[in-house]
Amino acid sequence: MLTAQYVGDRTVETREAEPVAPGPGDVRIRVAYTGLCGTDLHVFHGSMDARVTTPLPFGHEMSGTVESVGADVTSVAPGDAVTVMPLDWDGTCPACLAGNQHVCQNLDFIGIDSPGSLQELWTVPERVVVPMPAGVRLDHAALVEPVAVAVHDVRRSGLVEGEKAVVIGGGPIGLLIATVARRFGGDVVVAEVDANRRAQVEALGFTTLDPRAVDQVARVEEWTGGAGADVVFEVSGAAKAVLGATSLAKVRGRLVVVAIHPTPREIDLQRLFWRELTIIGARVYERQDFETAVRLVADGDVPADVLITKIVPITEVQEAFGLLEQGAAMKVLVDVQSGAGA
């Protein structure tokens, strides 16, 4: 079978490999699509070289159908459409024992810490497999994982119906956070510097602002009657955005840090103190977030066709990263079966 493997030095190679037979409790999936995301870009750039073992078939946003199952598997059967919640925890660390398995202190994030879905046949434990409802398109189903990220972020924020939220960053996750927040009753503004992304976000009915062209603090205060936003989601990963984020929140507002920041960032602690703000970290997702995401995708609440701007064959993953680096695509999917039989 074909795989796409990160081999180091900003290089992805398409290689042949032997599929892993499913053992007891395992499910072998014929992967249909794998999405490429910002975390994969970090892997490609070498930012996770101290963590990953190369060569690594990476990828964790996926969809596919069950090809075969090992003994004792009961939740899925061959032919079922599925996705994977790519978290495998040890169940014994302090975080797990406190009920926070999704941020296990020894977490195996499948697709980074262990082989991922950029392979035609992928064998994983049954416990991470999530069935999809009948009739959901498999390209759309590949968005469940990033939607689950957005669901978790919004849930962590404590957003309630009628609250005002600013999303800093209009990329795929920012757009999904805005979508989920609106779906659950929030009033949303998206701050984004890229004109093309602002146009995509506006086409979905959201109000946007360009923080380089307008005084974003004044604009948010005007929108909120001088109060500031109830919730601010920092999704851009930019140092300047982090520094300015606290200025957008109301007294006792919440700042949710979503983006992965590879280095420590400066933050306005005076504003944090003055307005009694709360800073909330939001990492990955829990099973309930994944199940909510499945429903949102299945019900058509996610603008899948807007998000999926390009589908490439498994032999062109290296080139796809070039598109992501240029900001030339919102979401790139890899057609993993494009090399089948080649």
C-alpha atoms as a PDB file:
ATOM      1  CA  MET A   1       0.000   0.000   0.000  1.00  0.00           C
ATOM      2  CA  LEU A   2       1.015   3.650  -0.465  1.00  0.00           C
ATOM      3  CA  THR A   3       1.798   5.934   2.448  1.00  0.00           C
ATOM      4  CA  ALA A   4       2.889   9.559   2.731  1.00  0.00           C
ATOM      5  CA  GLN A   5       5.686   9.819   5.285  1.00  0.00           C
ATOM      6  CA  TYR A   6       7.463  12.758   6.864  1.00  0.00           C
ATOM      7  CA  VAL A   7      11.164  11.905   6.696  1.00  0.00           C
ATOM      8  CA  GLY A   8      12.602  15.126   8.135  1.00  0.00           C
ATOM      9  CA  ASP A   9      14.125  18.271   6.578  1.00  0.00           C
ATOM     10  CA  ARG A  10      10.763  19.600   5.283  1.00  0.00           C
ATOM     11  CA  THR A  11      10.339  16.502   3.143  1.00  0.00           C
ATOM     12  CA  VAL A  12       7.403  14.143   2.606  1.00  0.00           C
ATOM     13  CA  GLU A  13       7.932  11.002   0.565  1.00  0.00           C
ATOM     14  CA  THR A  14       5.386   8.611  -0.904  1.00  0.00           C
ATOM     15  CA  ARG A  15       6.469   5.122   0.061  1.00  0.00           C
ATOM     16  CA  GLU A  16       5.205   1.568  -0.159  1.00  0.00           C
ATOM     17  CA  ALA A  17       4.531  -0.199   3.153  1.00  0.00           C
ATOM     18  CA  GLU A  18       2.935  -3.387   4.385  1.00  0.00           C
ATOM     19  CA  PRO A  19      -0.489  -2.906   6.008  1.00  0.00           C
ATOM     20  CA  VAL A  20      -0.813  -3.885   9.663  1.00  0.00           C
ATOM     21  CA  ALA A  21      -3.208  -6.769  10.276  1.00  0.00           C
ATOM     22  CA  PRO A  22      -5.863  -6.032  12.903  1.00  0.00           C
ATOM     23  CA  GLY A  23      -5.285  -7.848  16.172  1.00  0.00           C
ATOM     24  CA  PRO A  24      -7.892  -8.400  18.890  1.00  0.00           C
ATOM     25  CA  GLY A  25      -9.776  -5.176  19.503  1.00  0.00           C
ATOM     26  CA  ASP A  26      -8.381  -3.487  16.369  1.00  0.00           C
ATOM     27  CA  VAL A  27     -10.078  -2.010  13.329  1.00  0.00           C
ATOM     28  CA  ARG A  28      -8.429  -1.714   9.916  1.00  0.00           C
ATOM     29  CA  ILE A  29      -9.756   1.267   7.965  1.00  0.00           C
ATOM     30  CA  ARG A  30      -9.528   1.898   4.253  1.00  0.00           C
ATOM     31  CA  VAL A  31      -8.770   5.600   4.523  1.00  0.00           C
ATOM     32  CA  ALA A  32     -10.682   7.791   2.063  1.00  0.00           C
ATOM     33  CA  TYR A  33      -9.520  11.320   2.902  1.00  0.00           C
ATOM     34  CA  THR A  34      -7.035  12.922   5.257  1.00  0.00           C
ATOM     35  CA  GLY A  35      -7.054  16.647   5.948  1.00  0.00           C
ATOM     36  CA  LEU A  36      -3.850  18.624   6.379  1.00  0.00           C
ATOM     37  CA  CYS A  37      -3.846  21.109   9.244  1.00  0.00           C
ATOM     38  CA  GLY A  38      -1.638  23.566  11.094  1.00  0.00           C
ATOM     39  CA  THR A  39      -0.277  20.833  13.357  1.00  0.00           C
ATOM     40  CA  ASP A  40       0.808  18.837  10.308  1.00  0.00           C
ATOM     41  CA  LEU A  41       2.510  22.000   9.052  1.00  0.00           C
ATOM     42  CA  HIS A  42       4.408  22.204  12.356  1.00  0.00           C
ATOM     43  CA  VAL A  43       5.527  18.595  11.777  1.00  0.00           C
ATOM     44  CA  PHE A  44       6.567  19.427   8.207  1.00  0.00           C
ATOM     45  CA  HIS A  45       8.543  22.472   9.360  1.00  0.00           C
ATOM     46  CA  GLY A  46      10.486  20.328  11.815  1.00  0.00           C
ATOM     47  CA  SER A  47       9.035  22.030  14.901  1.00  0.00           C
ATOM     48  CA  MET A  48       8.132  18.615  16.348  1.00  0.00           C
ATOM     49  CA  ASP A  49      11.301  16.742  15.414  1.00  0.00           C
ATOM     50  CA  ALA A  50      12.071  16.171  19.080  1.00  0.00           C
ATOM     51  CA  ARG A  51       8.717  14.421  19.406  1.00  0.00           C
ATOM     52  CA  VAL A  52       8.116  12.475  16.209  1.00  0.00           C
ATOM     53  CA  THR A  53       9.891   9.336  15.070  1.00  0.00           C
ATOM     54  CA  THR A  54      10.802   9.413  11.388  1.00  0.00           C
ATOM     55  CA  PRO A  55       9.856   8.179   8.908  1.00  0.00           C
ATOM     56  CA  LEU A  56       6.323   8.958  10.067  1.00  0.00           C
ATOM     57  CA  PRO A  57       3.069   8.349   8.177  1.00  0.00           C
ATOM     58  CA  PHE A  58       1.303  11.323   9.734  1.00  0.00           C
ATOM     59  CA  GLY A  59      -2.239  12.741   9.512  1.00  0.00           C
ATOM     60  CA  HIS A  60      -5.161  12.671  11.945  1.00  0.00           C
ATOM     61  CA  GLU A  61      -8.139  14.436  10.284  1.00  0.00           C
ATOM     62  CA  MET A  62      -9.683  11.583   8.337  1.00  0.00           C
ATOM     63  CA  SER A  63     -12.566   9.530   7.069  1.00  0.00           C
ATOM     64  CA  GLY A  64     -12.852   6.062   5.630  1.00  0.00           C
ATOM     65  CA  THR A  65     -14.650   2.740   5.703  1.00  0.00           C
ATOM     66  CA  VAL A  66     -13.955  -0.295   7.837  1.00  0.00           C
ATOM     67  CA  GLU A  67     -12.002  -2.855   5.806  1.00  0.00           C
ATOM     68  CA  SER A  68     -11.722  -5.569   8.462  1.00  0.00           C
ATOM     69  CA  VAL A  69     -11.881  -6.026  12.226  1.00  0.00           C
ATOM     70  CA  GLY A  70     -10.052  -8.083  14.800  1.00  0.00           C
ATOM     71  CA  ALA A  71     -11.577 -10.391  17.363  1.00  0.00           C
ATOM     72  CA  ASP A  72     -13.931  -8.898  19.945  1.00  0.00           C
ATOM     73  CA  VAL A  73     -14.754  -5.772  17.921  1.00  0.00           C
ATOM     74  CA  THR A  74     -18.472  -5.058  18.290  1.00  0.00           C
ATOM     75  CA  SER A  75     -19.092  -1.350  17.566  1.00  0.00           C
ATOM     76  CA  VAL A  76     -18.322  -1.369  13.821  1.00  0.00           C
ATOM     77  CA  ALA A  77     -18.310  -3.850  10.953  1.00  0.00           C
ATOM     78  CA  PRO A  78     -16.716  -4.015   7.494  1.00  0.00           C
ATOM     79  CA  GLY A  79     -18.226  -1.414   5.182  1.00  0.00           C
ATOM     80  CA  ASP A  80     -19.152   1.065   7.939  1.00  0.00           C
ATOM     81  CA  ALA A  81     -18.197   4.699   7.394  1.00  0.00           C
ATOM     82  CA  VAL A  82     -16.022   5.955  10.241  1.00  0.00           C
ATOM     83  CA  THR A  83     -13.673   8.614  11.473  1.00  0.00           C
ATOM     84  CA  VAL A  84     -11.117   8.450  14.279  1.00  0.00           C
ATOM     85  CA  MET A  85     -10.698  10.460  17.470  1.00  0.00           C
ATOM     86  CA  PRO A  86      -6.897  10.286  17.422  1.00  0.00           C
ATOM     87  CA  LEU A  87      -6.204  10.333  21.165  1.00  0.00           C
ATOM     88  CA  ASP A  88      -4.978   7.311  23.098  1.00  0.00           C
ATOM     89  CA  TRP A  89      -4.354   7.825  26.812  1.00  0.00           C
ATOM     90  CA  ASP A  90      -2.765   5.629  29.467  1.00  0.00           C
ATOM     91  CA  GLY A  91      -5.556   5.896  32.063  1.00  0.00           C
ATOM     92  CA  THR A  92      -3.074   5.943  34.938  1.00  0.00           C
ATOM     93  CA  CYS A  93      -1.515   9.419  35.057  1.00  0.00           C
ATOM     94  CA  PRO A  94      -2.819  12.169  37.410  1.00  0.00           C
ATOM     95  CA  ALA A  95      -4.709  13.873  34.554  1.00  0.00           C
ATOM     96  CA  CYS A  96      -6.473  10.660  33.563  1.00  0.00           C
ATOM     97  CA  LEU A  97      -7.312   9.770  37.144  1.00  0.00           C
ATOM     98  CA  ALA A  98      -8.859  13.234  37.528  1.00  0.00           C
ATOM     99  CA  GLY A  99     -11.124  12.556  34.530  1.00  0.00           C
ATOM    100  CA  ASN A 100      -9.112  14.578  31.995  1.00  0.00           C
ATOM    101  CA  GLN A 101      -8.003  11.730  29.764  1.00  0.00           C
ATOM    102  CA  HIS A 102      -7.955  13.901  26.636  1.00  0.00           C
ATOM    103  CA  VAL A 103      -4.962  15.801  28.068  1.00  0.00           C
ATOM    104  CA  CYS A 104      -3.267  12.715  29.477  1.00  0.00           C
ATOM    105  CA  GLN A 105       0.257  13.493  30.630  1.00  0.00           C
ATOM    106  CA  ASN A 106       1.477  10.588  28.482  1.00  0.00           C
ATOM    107  CA  LEU A 107      -0.934  11.130  25.601  1.00  0.00           C
ATOM    108  CA  ASP A 108      -0.399   9.326  22.319  1.00  0.00           C
ATOM    109  CA  PHE A 109      -1.694  11.777  19.737  1.00  0.00           C
ATOM    110  CA  ILE A 110      -2.135   9.362  16.885  1.00  0.00           C
ATOM    111  CA  GLY A 111      -0.678  10.755  13.686  1.00  0.00           C
ATOM    112  CA  ILE A 112       2.077  12.597  15.560  1.00  0.00           C
ATOM    113  CA  ASP A 113       3.306  10.291  18.315  1.00  0.00           C
ATOM    114  CA  SER A 114       2.392   7.158  16.362  1.00  0.00           C
ATOM    115  CA  PRO A 115       1.518   6.361  12.721  1.00  0.00           C
ATOM    116  CA  GLY A 116      -1.398   8.307  11.280  1.00  0.00           C
ATOM    117  CA  SER A 117      -3.904   8.179   8.472  1.00  0.00           C
ATOM    118  CA  LEU A 118      -1.834   9.013   5.398  1.00  0.00           C
ATOM    119  CA  GLN A 119      -1.802   5.356   4.438  1.00  0.00           C
ATOM    120  CA  GLU A 120      -4.281   3.392   2.363  1.00  0.00           C
ATOM    121  CA  LEU A 121      -4.983   0.904   5.142  1.00  0.00           C
ATOM    122  CA  TRP A 122      -4.723   2.107   8.748  1.00  0.00           C
ATOM    123  CA  THR A 123      -5.086  -0.123  11.804  1.00  0.00           C
ATOM    124  CA  VAL A 124      -6.197   1.507  15.076  1.00  0.00           C
ATOM    125  CA  PRO A 125      -7.791   0.392  18.359  1.00  0.00           C
ATOM    126  CA  GLU A 126     -11.586   0.123  18.315  1.00  0.00           C
ATOM    127  CA  ARG A 127     -11.781   2.609  21.211  1.00  0.00           C
ATOM    128  CA  VAL A 128     -10.696   5.508  18.980  1.00  0.00           C
ATOM    129  CA  VAL A 129     -13.049   4.698  16.088  1.00  0.00           C
ATOM    130  CA  VAL A 130     -16.149   6.889  15.743  1.00  0.00           C
ATOM    131  CA  PRO A 131     -18.988   5.674  13.468  1.00  0.00           C
ATOM    132  CA  MET A 132     -20.473   8.119  10.969  1.00  0.00           C
ATOM    133  CA  PRO A 133     -24.205   8.263  10.167  1.00  0.00           C
ATOM    134  CA  ALA A 134     -25.260   6.685   6.889  1.00  0.00           C
ATOM    135  CA  GLY A 135     -25.243   9.023   3.929  1.00  0.00           C
ATOM    136  CA  VAL A 136     -22.565  11.484   5.081  1.00  0.00           C
ATOM    137  CA  ARG A 137     -20.085  12.225   2.314  1.00  0.00           C
ATOM    138  CA  LEU A 138     -16.629  10.958   3.175  1.00  0.00           C
ATOM    139  CA  ASP A 139     -14.914  14.202   2.165  1.00  0.00           C
ATOM    140  CA  HIS A 140     -17.206  16.036   4.589  1.00  0.00           C
ATOM    141  CA  ALA A 141     -16.618  13.399   7.269  1.00  0.00           C
ATOM    142  CA  ALA A 142     -12.895  14.203   7.160  1.00  0.00           C
ATOM    143  CA  LEU A 143     -13.778  17.541   8.788  1.00  0.00           C
ATOM    144  CA  VAL A 144     -15.160  16.000  11.982  1.00  0.00           C
ATOM    145  CA  GLU A 145     -11.829  16.242  13.835  1.00  0.00           C
ATOM    146  CA  PRO A 146     -11.323  20.008  13.293  1.00  0.00           C
ATOM    147  CA  VAL A 147     -15.017  20.597  14.019  1.00  0.00           C
ATOM    148  CA  ALA A 148     -14.514  18.743  17.317  1.00  0.00           C
ATOM    149  CA  VAL A 149     -11.654  21.143  18.096  1.00  0.00           C
ATOM    150  CA  ALA A 150     -14.038  24.063  17.570  1.00  0.00           C
ATOM    151  CA  VAL A 151     -16.783  22.444  19.648  1.00  0.00           C
ATOM    152  CA  HIS A 152     -14.336  21.917  22.515  1.00  0.00           C
ATOM    153  CA  ASP A 153     -13.073  25.504  22.272  1.00  0.00           C
ATOM    154  CA  VAL A 154     -16.586  26.941  22.410  1.00  0.00           C
ATOM    155  CA  ARG A 155     -17.602  24.621  25.224  1.00  0.00           C
ATOM    156  CA  ARG A 156     -14.495  25.546  27.211  1.00  0.00           C
ATOM    157  CA  SER A 157     -15.338  29.234  26.741  1.00  0.00           C
ATOM    158  CA  GLY A 158     -18.640  28.871  28.583  1.00  0.00           C
ATOM    159  CA  LEU A 159     -20.392  30.775  25.784  1.00  0.00           C
ATOM    160  CA  VAL A 160     -24.134  31.125  26.309  1.00  0.00           C
ATOM    161  CA  GLU A 161     -26.836  32.267  23.944  1.00  0.00           C
ATOM    162  CA  GLY A 162     -26.747  36.007  23.282  1.00  0.00           C
ATOM    163  CA  GLU A 163     -23.101  36.534  24.231  1.00  0.00           C
ATOM    164  CA  LYS A 164     -20.725  38.377  21.916  1.00  0.00           C
ATOM    165  CA  ALA A 165     -17.555  36.645  20.759  1.00  0.00           C
ATOM    166  CA  VAL A 166     -14.524  37.854  18.828  1.00  0.00           C
ATOM    167  CA  VAL A 167     -12.574  35.227  16.898  1.00  0.00           C
ATOM    168  CA  ILE A 168      -9.021  36.361  16.120  1.00  0.00           C
ATOM    169  CA  GLY A 169      -8.008  34.520  12.967  1.00  0.00           C
ATOM    170  CA  GLY A 170     -10.239  33.531  10.065  1.00  0.00           C
ATOM    171  CA  GLY A 171      -8.481  30.333   8.990  1.00  0.00           C
ATOM    172  CA  PRO A 172     -10.124  26.901   9.078  1.00  0.00           C
ATOM    173  CA  ILE A 173     -10.299  26.573  12.871  1.00  0.00           C
ATOM    174  CA  GLY A 174     -11.301  30.214  13.330  1.00  0.00           C
ATOM    175  CA  LEU A 175     -14.095  29.810  10.814  1.00  0.00           C
ATOM    176  CA  LEU A 176     -15.252  26.626  12.520  1.00  0.00           C
ATOM    177  CA  ILE A 177     -15.212  28.280  15.963  1.00  0.00           C
ATOM    178  CA  ALA A 178     -17.282  31.132  14.542  1.00  0.00           C
ATOM    179  CA  THR A 179     -19.693  28.600  12.996  1.00  0.00           C
ATOM    180  CA  VAL A 180     -20.078  26.591  16.201  1.00  0.00           C
ATOM    181  CA  ALA A 181     -20.398  29.717  18.366  1.00  0.00           C
ATOM    182  CA  ARG A 182     -23.146  31.060  16.112  1.00  0.00           C
ATOM    183  CA  ARG A 183     -24.843  27.660  16.028  1.00  0.00           C
ATOM    184  CA  PHE A 184     -25.059  27.760  19.828  1.00  0.00           C
ATOM    185  CA  GLY A 185     -26.456  31.290  19.944  1.00  0.00           C
ATOM    186  CA  GLY A 186     -23.414  33.534  20.019  1.00  0.00           C
ATOM    187  CA  ASP A 187     -23.061  36.840  18.144  1.00  0.00           C
ATOM    188  CA  VAL A 188     -19.689  36.657  16.361  1.00  0.00           C
ATOM    189  CA  VAL A 189     -17.142  38.996  14.790  1.00  0.00           C
ATOM    190  CA  VAL A 190     -14.044  37.590  13.085  1.00  0.00           C
ATOM    191  CA  ALA A 191     -10.771  39.559  13.013  1.00  0.00           C
ATOM    192  CA  GLU A 192      -8.622  38.568  10.025  1.00  0.00           C
ATOM    193  CA  VAL A 193      -5.839  40.357   8.156  1.00  0.00           C
ATOM    194  CA  ASP A 194      -6.112  38.406   4.876  1.00  0.00           C
ATOM    195  CA  ALA A 195      -8.638  39.872   2.446  1.00  0.00           C
ATOM    196  CA  ASN A 196      -9.406  36.549   0.747  1.00  0.00           C
ATOM    197  CA  ARG A 197     -10.176  34.873   4.049  1.00  0.00           C
ATOM    198  CA  ARG A 198     -12.316  37.814   5.158  1.00  0.00           C
ATOM    199  CA  ALA A 199     -14.319  37.452   1.954  1.00  0.00           C
ATOM    200  CA  GLN A 200     -14.860  33.736   2.596  1.00  0.00           C
ATOM    201  CA  VAL A 201     -15.953  34.401   6.171  1.00  0.00           C
ATOM    202  CA  GLU A 202     -18.264  37.240   5.133  1.00  0.00           C
ATOM    203  CA  ALA A 203     -19.850  35.010   2.475  1.00  0.00           C
ATOM    204  CA  LEU A 204     -21.068  32.834   5.351  1.00  0.00           C
ATOM    205  CA  GLY A 205     -22.834  35.777   6.969  1.00  0.00           C
ATOM    206  CA  PHE A 206     -20.239  36.798   9.563  1.00  0.00           C
ATOM    207  CA  THR A 207     -19.083  40.330  10.302  1.00  0.00           C
ATOM    208  CA  THR A 208     -15.329  40.774   9.956  1.00  0.00           C
ATOM    209  CA  LEU A 209     -12.737  43.410  10.714  1.00  0.00           C
ATOM    210  CA  ASP A 210      -9.178  43.975   9.520  1.00  0.00           C
ATOM    211  CA  PRO A 211      -7.070  44.827  12.588  1.00  0.00           C
ATOM    212  CA  ARG A 212      -4.462  46.487  10.361  1.00  0.00           C
ATOM    213  CA  ALA A 213      -6.998  48.848   8.809  1.00  0.00           C
ATOM    214  CA  VAL A 214      -9.259  49.780  11.722  1.00  0.00           C
ATOM    215  CA  ASP A 215      -8.965  50.367  15.459  1.00  0.00           C
ATOM    216  CA  GLN A 216     -10.208  46.948  16.537  1.00  0.00           C
ATOM    217  CA  VAL A 217     -10.682  47.995  20.159  1.00  0.00           C
ATOM    218  CA  ALA A 218     -12.881  50.923  19.122  1.00  0.00           C
ATOM    219  CA  ARG A 219     -14.801  48.726  16.688  1.00  0.00           C
ATOM    220  CA  VAL A 220     -15.486  46.059  19.318  1.00  0.00           C
ATOM    221  CA  GLU A 221     -16.488  48.664  21.911  1.00  0.00           C
ATOM    222  CA  GLU A 222     -18.888  50.216  19.408  1.00  0.00           C
ATOM    223  CA  TRP A 223     -20.370  46.771  18.695  1.00  0.00           C
ATOM    224  CA  THR A 224     -20.758  45.958  22.394  1.00  0.00           C
ATOM    225  CA  GLY A 225     -21.978  49.338  23.648  1.00  0.00           C
ATOM    226  CA  GLY A 226     -18.633  50.089  25.284  1.00  0.00           C
ATOM    227  CA  ALA A 227     -18.472  46.851  27.260  1.00  0.00           C
ATOM    228  CA  GLY A 228     -16.118  44.635  25.249  1.00  0.00           C
ATOM    229  CA  ALA A 229     -16.659  41.060  24.104  1.00  0.00           C
ATOM    230  CA  ASP A 230     -17.837  38.333  26.450  1.00  0.00           C
ATOM    231  CA  VAL A 231     -15.402  35.875  24.873  1.00  0.00           C
ATOM    232  CA  VAL A 232     -12.271  36.334  22.767  1.00  0.00           C
ATOM    233  CA  PHE A 233     -10.830  33.317  20.926  1.00  0.00           C
ATOM    234  CA  GLU A 234      -7.149  33.663  19.969  1.00  0.00           C
ATOM    235  CA  VAL A 235      -6.727  31.405  16.951  1.00  0.00           C
ATOM    236  CA  SER A 236      -4.146  33.252  14.854  1.00  0.00           C
ATOM    237  CA  GLY A 237      -0.967  32.227  16.661  1.00  0.00           C
ATOM    238  CA  ALA A 238       0.467  35.722  16.081  1.00  0.00           C
ATOM    239  CA  ALA A 239       2.366  37.474  18.882  1.00  0.00           C
ATOM    240  CA  LYS A 240       0.743  40.846  18.152  1.00  0.00           C
ATOM    241  CA  ALA A 241      -2.725  39.293  18.291  1.00  0.00           C
ATOM    242  CA  VAL A 242      -2.020  37.758  21.699  1.00  0.00           C
ATOM    243  CA  LEU A 243      -0.803  41.089  23.066  1.00  0.00           C
ATOM    244  CA  GLY A 244      -3.941  42.873  21.873  1.00  0.00           C
ATOM    245  CA  ALA A 245      -6.465  40.168  22.746  1.00  0.00           C
ATOM    246  CA  THR A 246      -7.062  41.222  26.350  1.00  0.00           C
ATOM    247  CA  SER A 247      -8.063  44.717  25.173  1.00  0.00           C
ATOM    248  CA  LEU A 248     -11.095  43.258  23.387  1.00  0.00           C
ATOM    249  CA  ALA A 249     -12.676  41.547  26.406  1.00  0.00           C
ATOM    250  CA  LYS A 250     -15.233  43.003  28.798  1.00  0.00           C
ATOM    251  CA  VAL A 251     -14.940  43.116  32.574  1.00  0.00           C
ATOM    252  CA  ARG A 252     -14.757  39.468  33.674  1.00  0.00           C
ATOM    253  CA  GLY A 253     -14.589  38.387  30.057  1.00  0.00           C
ATOM    254  CA  ARG A 254     -12.854  35.216  28.906  1.00  0.00           C
ATOM    255  CA  LEU A 255      -9.858  34.821  26.631  1.00  0.00           C
ATOM    256  CA  VAL A 256      -9.600  31.330  25.104  1.00  0.00           C
ATOM    257  CA  VAL A 257      -6.160  30.407  23.787  1.00  0.00           C
ATOM    258  CA  VAL A 258      -6.657  28.034  20.865  1.00  0.00           C
ATOM    259  CA  ALA A 259      -3.601  28.497  18.647  1.00  0.00           C
ATOM    260  CA  ILE A 260      -0.403  26.554  19.200  1.00  0.00           C
ATOM    261  CA  HIS A 261       2.313  29.049  20.116  1.00  0.00           C
ATOM    262  CA  PRO A 262       5.768  27.537  19.567  1.00  0.00           C
ATOM    263  CA  THR A 263       7.449  30.137  21.793  1.00  0.00           C
ATOM    264  CA  PRO A 264       6.333  32.101  24.898  1.00  0.00           C
ATOM    265  CA  ARG A 265       4.266  35.217  24.114  1.00  0.00           C
ATOM    266  CA  GLU A 266       3.971  38.614  25.745  1.00  0.00           C
ATOM    267  CA  ILE A 267       0.520  39.285  27.224  1.00  0.00           C
ATOM    268  CA  ASP A 268      -1.024  42.385  28.828  1.00  0.00           C
ATOM    269  CA  LEU A 269      -1.317  41.300  32.459  1.00  0.00           C
ATOM    270  CA  GLN A 270      -2.286  44.809  33.547  1.00  0.00           C
ATOM    271  CA  ARG A 271      -5.467  44.505  31.503  1.00  0.00           C
ATOM    272  CA  LEU A 272      -5.988  40.994  32.843  1.00  0.00           C
ATOM    273  CA  PHE A 273      -5.815  42.374  36.391  1.00  0.00           C
ATOM    274  CA  TRP A 274      -7.804  45.544  35.702  1.00  0.00           C
ATOM    275  CA  ARG A 275     -10.794  43.784  34.181  1.00  0.00           C
ATOM    276  CA  GLU A 276     -10.592  40.531  36.151  1.00  0.00           C
ATOM    277  CA  LEU A 277     -10.280  38.515  32.972  1.00  0.00           C
ATOM    278  CA  THR A 278     -10.041  34.743  32.779  1.00  0.00           C
ATOM    279  CA  ILE A 279      -7.599  33.028  30.435  1.00  0.00           C
ATOM    280  CA  ILE A 280      -8.638  29.549  29.326  1.00  0.00           C
ATOM    281  CA  GLY A 281      -6.503  26.985  27.551  1.00  0.00           C
ATOM    282  CA  ALA A 282      -8.305  24.776  25.039  1.00  0.00           C
ATOM    283  CA  ARG A 283      -6.503  21.718  23.713  1.00  0.00           C
ATOM    284  CA  VAL A 284      -7.892  18.973  21.480  1.00  0.00           C
ATOM    285  CA  TYR A 285     -11.330  17.561  22.491  1.00  0.00           C
ATOM    286  CA  GLU A 286     -13.287  15.023  24.482  1.00  0.00           C
ATOM    287  CA  ARG A 287     -15.532  12.257  23.167  1.00  0.00           C
ATOM    288  CA  GLN A 288     -18.659  14.372  23.659  1.00  0.00           C
ATOM    289  CA  ASP A 289     -17.106  17.086  21.473  1.00  0.00           C
ATOM    290  CA  PHE A 290     -16.431  14.515  18.764  1.00  0.00           C
ATOM    291  CA  GLU A 291     -19.980  13.213  18.889  1.00  0.00           C
ATOM    292  CA  THR A 292     -21.361  16.762  18.681  1.00  0.00           C
ATOM    293  CA  ALA A 293     -19.091  17.401  15.708  1.00  0.00           C
ATOM    294  CA  VAL A 294     -20.410  14.303  13.940  1.00  0.00           C
ATOM    295  CA  ARG A 295     -23.962  15.625  14.340  1.00  0.00           C
ATOM    296  CA  LEU A 296     -23.044  19.100  13.080  1.00  0.00           C
ATOM    297  CA  VAL A 297     -21.357  17.670   9.978  1.00  0.00           C
ATOM    298  CA  ALA A 298     -24.180  15.188   9.333  1.00  0.00           C
ATOM    299  CA  ASP A 299     -26.839  17.910   9.734  1.00  0.00           C
ATOM    300  CA  GLY A 300     -25.103  20.254   7.290  1.00  0.00           C
ATOM    301  CA  ASP A 301     -24.326  22.911   9.913  1.00  0.00           C
ATOM    302  CA  VAL A 302     -20.675  22.987   8.837  1.00  0.00           C
ATOM    303  CA  PRO A 303     -19.802  24.845   5.572  1.00  0.00           C
ATOM    304  CA  ALA A 304     -17.826  21.878   4.300  1.00  0.00           C
ATOM    305  CA  ASP A 305     -17.731  22.865   0.645  1.00  0.00           C
ATOM    306  CA  VAL A 306     -16.416  26.329   1.545  1.00  0.00           C
ATOM    307  CA  LEU A 307     -13.716  24.885   3.788  1.00  0.00           C
ATOM    308  CA  ILE A 308     -12.524  22.202   1.367  1.00  0.00           C
ATOM    309  CA  THR A 309     -10.747  24.247  -1.259  1.00  0.00           C
ATOM    310  CA  LYS A 310      -8.523  21.554  -2.775  1.00  0.00           C
ATOM    311  CA  ILE A 311      -8.230  17.761  -2.901  1.00  0.00           C
ATOM    312  CA  VAL A 312      -4.851  16.301  -3.904  1.00  0.00           C
ATOM    313  CA  PRO A 313      -3.668  12.729  -4.518  1.00  0.00           C
ATOM    314  CA  ILE A 314      -1.497  11.031  -1.926  1.00  0.00           C
ATOM    315  CA  THR A 315       1.504  11.482  -4.227  1.00  0.00           C
ATOM    316  CA  GLU A 316       1.260  15.299  -3.943  1.00  0.00           C
ATOM    317  CA  VAL A 317       1.349  15.878  -0.180  1.00  0.00           C
ATOM    318  CA  GLN A 318       4.698  17.701  -0.427  1.00  0.00           C
ATOM    319  CA  GLU A 319       3.214  20.168  -2.906  1.00  0.00           C
ATOM    320  CA  ALA A 320       0.091  20.585  -0.772  1.00  0.00           C
ATOM    321  CA  PHE A 321       2.187  21.947   2.085  1.00  0.00           C
ATOM    322  CA  GLY A 322       3.384  24.647  -0.289  1.00  0.00           C
ATOM    323  CA  LEU A 323      -0.234  25.723  -0.784  1.00  0.00           C
ATOM    324  CA  LEU A 324      -0.785  25.854   2.980  1.00  0.00           C
ATOM    325  CA  GLU A 325       2.380  27.889   3.525  1.00  0.00           C
ATOM    326  CA  GLN A 326       1.235  30.411   0.932  1.00  0.00           C
ATOM    327  CA  GLY A 327      -2.239  30.675   2.446  1.00  0.00           C
ATOM    328  CA  ALA A 328      -3.575  29.628  -0.957  1.00  0.00           C
ATOM    329  CA  ALA A 329      -6.094  27.120   0.419  1.00  0.00           C
ATOM    330  CA  MET A 330      -8.457  27.005   3.397  1.00  0.00           C
ATOM    331  CA  LYS A 331      -8.479  23.220   3.829  1.00  0.00           C
ATOM    332  CA  VAL A 332      -6.570  20.705   1.722  1.00  0.00           C
ATOM    333  CA  LEU A 333      -7.723  17.079   1.732  1.00  0.00           C
ATOM    334  CA  VAL A 334      -5.585  14.190   0.547  1.00  0.00           C
ATOM    335  CA  ASP A 335      -7.355  11.524  -1.506  1.00  0.00           C
ATOM    336  CA  VAL A 336      -5.551   8.615   0.139  1.00  0.00           C
ATOM    337  CA  GLN A 337      -6.927   5.996  -2.258  1.00  0.00           C
ATOM    338  CA  SER A 338      -5.736   7.910  -5.335  1.00  0.00           C
ATOM    339  CA  GLY A 339      -2.701   5.664  -5.559  1.00  0.00           C
ATOM    340  CA  ALA A 340      -4.527   2.380  -4.951  1.00  0.00           C
ATOM    341  CA  GLY A 341      -3.384  -0.293  -7.351  1.00  0.00           C
ATOM    342  CA  ALA A 342      -0.625   1.871  -8.733  1.00  0.00           C
END
